[in-house]
C-alpha atoms as a PDB file:
ATOM      1  CA  MET A   1       0.000   0.000   0.000  1.00  0.00           C
ATOM      2  CA  ARG A   2       1.380   3.371  -0.985  1.00  0.00           C
ATOM      3  CA  ARG A   3       0.921   5.998   1.689  1.00  0.00           C
ATOM      4  CA  ASP A   4       1.652   9.693   1.677  1.00  0.00           C
ATOM      5  CA  ILE A   5       3.590  11.734   4.183  1.00  0.00           C
ATOM      6  CA  PHE A   6       0.439  13.185   5.734  1.00  0.00           C
ATOM      7  CA  GLN A   7      -0.781   9.730   6.676  1.00  0.00           C
ATOM      8  CA  ALA A   8       2.636   9.133   8.221  1.00  0.00           C
ATOM      9  CA  ILE A   9       2.576  12.230  10.412  1.00  0.00           C
ATOM     10  CA  ALA A  10      -1.086  11.773  11.399  1.00  0.00           C
ATOM     11  CA  ASP A  11      -0.068   9.350  14.153  1.00  0.00           C
ATOM     12  CA  PRO A  12       1.410  10.828  17.379  1.00  0.00           C
ATOM     13  CA  THR A  13       3.841   7.932  17.826  1.00  0.00           C
ATOM     14  CA  ARG A  14       5.230   8.420  14.331  1.00  0.00           C
ATOM     15  CA  ARG A  15       5.618  12.141  14.961  1.00  0.00           C
ATOM     16  CA  ALA A  16       7.492  11.312  18.177  1.00  0.00           C
ATOM     17  CA  ILE A  17       9.768   8.918  16.264  1.00  0.00           C
ATOM     18  CA  ILE A  18      10.499  11.651  13.725  1.00  0.00           C
ATOM     19  CA  THR A  19      11.405  14.002  16.568  1.00  0.00           C
ATOM     20  CA  LEU A  20      13.679  11.380  18.128  1.00  0.00           C
ATOM     21  CA  ILE A  21      15.677  10.705  14.989  1.00  0.00           C
ATOM     22  CA  ALA A  22      15.764  14.298  13.768  1.00  0.00           C
ATOM     23  CA  MET A  23      19.085  14.950  15.483  1.00  0.00           C
ATOM     24  CA  GLN A  24      20.733  11.551  15.156  1.00  0.00           C
ATOM     25  CA  ALA A  25      20.154   8.181  13.533  1.00  0.00           C
ATOM     26  CA  MET A  26      18.934   5.494  15.923  1.00  0.00           C
ATOM     27  CA  THR A  27      18.474   1.734  15.951  1.00  0.00           C
ATOM     28  CA  PRO A  28      14.956   0.291  16.271  1.00  0.00           C
ATOM     29  CA  ASN A  29      15.745  -0.917  19.804  1.00  0.00           C
ATOM     30  CA  ALA A  30      16.954   2.533  20.869  1.00  0.00           C
ATOM     31  CA  ILE A  31      13.792   4.079  19.420  1.00  0.00           C
ATOM     32  CA  ALA A  32      11.551   1.481  21.103  1.00  0.00           C
ATOM     33  CA  GLU A  33      13.064   2.303  24.532  1.00  0.00           C
ATOM     34  CA  HIS A  34      11.289   5.681  24.374  1.00  0.00           C
ATOM     35  CA  PHE A  35       7.801   4.199  24.101  1.00  0.00           C
ATOM     36  CA  ASP A  36       5.498   2.113  26.282  1.00  0.00           C
ATOM     37  CA  THR A  37       4.735  -0.237  23.444  1.00  0.00           C
ATOM     38  CA  SER A  38       6.206  -3.365  21.926  1.00  0.00           C
ATOM     39  CA  ARG A  39       9.259  -3.388  19.672  1.00  0.00           C
ATOM     40  CA  GLN A  40       7.007  -4.877  16.962  1.00  0.00           C
ATOM     41  CA  ALA A  41       4.623  -1.908  17.182  1.00  0.00           C
ATOM     42  CA  VAL A  42       7.539   0.484  16.785  1.00  0.00           C
ATOM     43  CA  SER A  43       8.731  -1.548  13.802  1.00  0.00           C
ATOM     44  CA  LYS A  44       5.328  -1.110  12.146  1.00  0.00           C
ATOM     45  CA  HIS A  45       5.580   2.639  12.608  1.00  0.00           C
ATOM     46  CA  LEU A  46       9.106   2.591  11.180  1.00  0.00           C
ATOM     47  CA  LYS A  47       7.854   0.624   8.185  1.00  0.00           C
ATOM     48  CA  ILE A  48       5.160   3.212   7.446  1.00  0.00           C
ATOM     49  CA  LEU A  49       7.633   6.078   7.817  1.00  0.00           C
ATOM     50  CA  THR A  50      10.023   4.277   5.493  1.00  0.00           C
ATOM     51  CA  GLU A  51       7.282   3.628   2.909  1.00  0.00           C
ATOM     52  CA  CYS A  52       6.537   7.351   2.926  1.00  0.00           C
ATOM     53  CA  ASP A  53      10.234   8.160   2.443  1.00  0.00           C
ATOM     54  CA  LEU A  54      10.305  10.220   5.634  1.00  0.00           C
ATOM     55  CA  ILE A  55      13.054   8.038   7.077  1.00  0.00           C
ATOM     56  CA  LYS A  56      15.752   5.847   5.593  1.00  0.00           C
ATOM     57  CA  GLN A  57      17.537   2.769   6.807  1.00  0.00           C
ATOM     58  CA  GLU A  58      21.302   2.713   6.995  1.00  0.00           C
ATOM     59  CA  GLN A  59      23.225  -0.495   7.656  1.00  0.00           C
ATOM     60  CA  ARG A  60      26.201  -0.003  10.004  1.00  0.00           C
ATOM     61  CA  GLY A  61      27.874  -3.292  10.709  1.00  0.00           C
ATOM     62  CA  ARG A  62      25.251  -5.571  12.178  1.00  0.00           C
ATOM     63  CA  GLU A  63      22.911  -2.732  13.176  1.00  0.00           C
ATOM     64  CA  ILE A  64      20.269  -0.906  11.174  1.00  0.00           C
ATOM     65  CA  TYR A  65      19.938   2.787  11.895  1.00  0.00           C
ATOM     66  CA  TYR A  66      16.998   4.973  10.939  1.00  0.00           C
ATOM     67  CA  LYS A  67      17.576   8.572   9.991  1.00  0.00           C
ATOM     68  CA  LEU A  68      15.253  11.392   8.999  1.00  0.00           C
ATOM     69  CA  GLU A  69      15.023  12.474   5.376  1.00  0.00           C
ATOM     70  CA  VAL A  70      14.920  16.207   5.940  1.00  0.00           C
ATOM     71  CA  ASP A  71      14.193  16.995   2.295  1.00  0.00           C
ATOM     72  CA  LYS A  72      10.924  15.069   2.486  1.00  0.00           C
ATOM     73  CA  MET A  73       9.840  17.265   5.411  1.00  0.00           C
ATOM     74  CA  LYS A  74       9.895  20.174   2.944  1.00  0.00           C
ATOM     75  CA  ASP A  75       6.791  18.677   1.294  1.00  0.00           C
ATOM     76  CA  ILE A  76       4.936  19.263   4.560  1.00  0.00           C
ATOM     77  CA  ASP A  77       6.323  22.775   4.875  1.00  0.00           C
ATOM     78  CA  ASN A  78       5.353  23.593   1.287  1.00  0.00           C
ATOM     79  CA  TRP A  79       1.780  22.447   1.923  1.00  0.00           C
ATOM     80  CA  LEU A  80       1.572  24.512   5.131  1.00  0.00           C
ATOM     81  CA  GLU A  81       2.960  27.602   3.395  1.00  0.00           C
ATOM     82  CA  GLN A  82      -0.374  28.344   1.704  1.00  0.00           C
ATOM     83  CA  PHE A  83      -2.079  28.495   5.112  1.00  0.00           C
ATOM     84  CA  ARG A  84       0.778  30.441   6.688  1.00  0.00           C
ATOM     85  CA  LYS A  85       0.196  33.217   4.153  1.00  0.00           C
ATOM     86  CA  ILE A  86      -3.527  33.304   4.954  1.00  0.00           C
ATOM     87  CA  TRP A  87      -3.099  33.571   8.720  1.00  0.00           C
ATOM     88  CA  GLU A  88      -0.289  36.127   8.369  1.00  0.00           C
ATOM     89  CA  ILE A  89      -2.638  38.351   6.354  1.00  0.00           C
ATOM     90  CA  GLN A  90      -5.333  37.921   8.994  1.00  0.00           C
ATOM     91  CA  PHE A  91      -2.928  38.720  11.843  1.00  0.00           C
ATOM     92  CA  ASN A  92      -1.697  41.808   9.995  1.00  0.00           C
ATOM     93  CA  GLN A  93      -5.301  42.948   9.537  1.00  0.00           C
ATOM     94  CA  LEU A  94      -5.925  42.383  13.249  1.00  0.00           C
ATOM     95  CA  ASP A  95      -2.787  44.372  14.153  1.00  0.00           C
ATOM     96  CA  ASN A  96      -3.951  47.230  11.951  1.00  0.00           C
ATOM     97  CA  LEU A  97      -7.403  47.175  13.537  1.00  0.00           C
ATOM     98  CA  LEU A  98      -5.955  47.184  17.064  1.00  0.00           C
ATOM     99  CA  SER A  99      -3.640  50.057  16.179  1.00  0.00           C
ATOM    100  CA  THR A 100      -6.592  52.014  14.863  1.00  0.00           C
ATOM    101  CA  ILE A 101      -8.638  51.340  18.004  1.00  0.00           C
ATOM    102  CA  LYS A 102      -5.764  52.443  20.306  1.00  0.00           C
ATOM    103  CA  LYS A 103      -5.548  55.855  18.602  1.00  0.00           C
END
């Protein structure tokens, strides 16, 4: 099943995994230590994140490390940009209104 990145980040556990590996690559066992769930459940989350190209596996000796694909996060940022522009316009209009009221 092909998933998109928005399905991947819809789950709080997957977002937490992304946060964990944002600074450094981690093994599945190291990631699983941060959650009150089974190693198998974490592996399922890692599989979904990998299918969505948000993370990549890297073999180092006998260990597999997962690291964040930062470039893929730009897809999320690009989608949010359209909304950022809308709320910035609305906040600017509110600032102008408040300035007018204060005078």
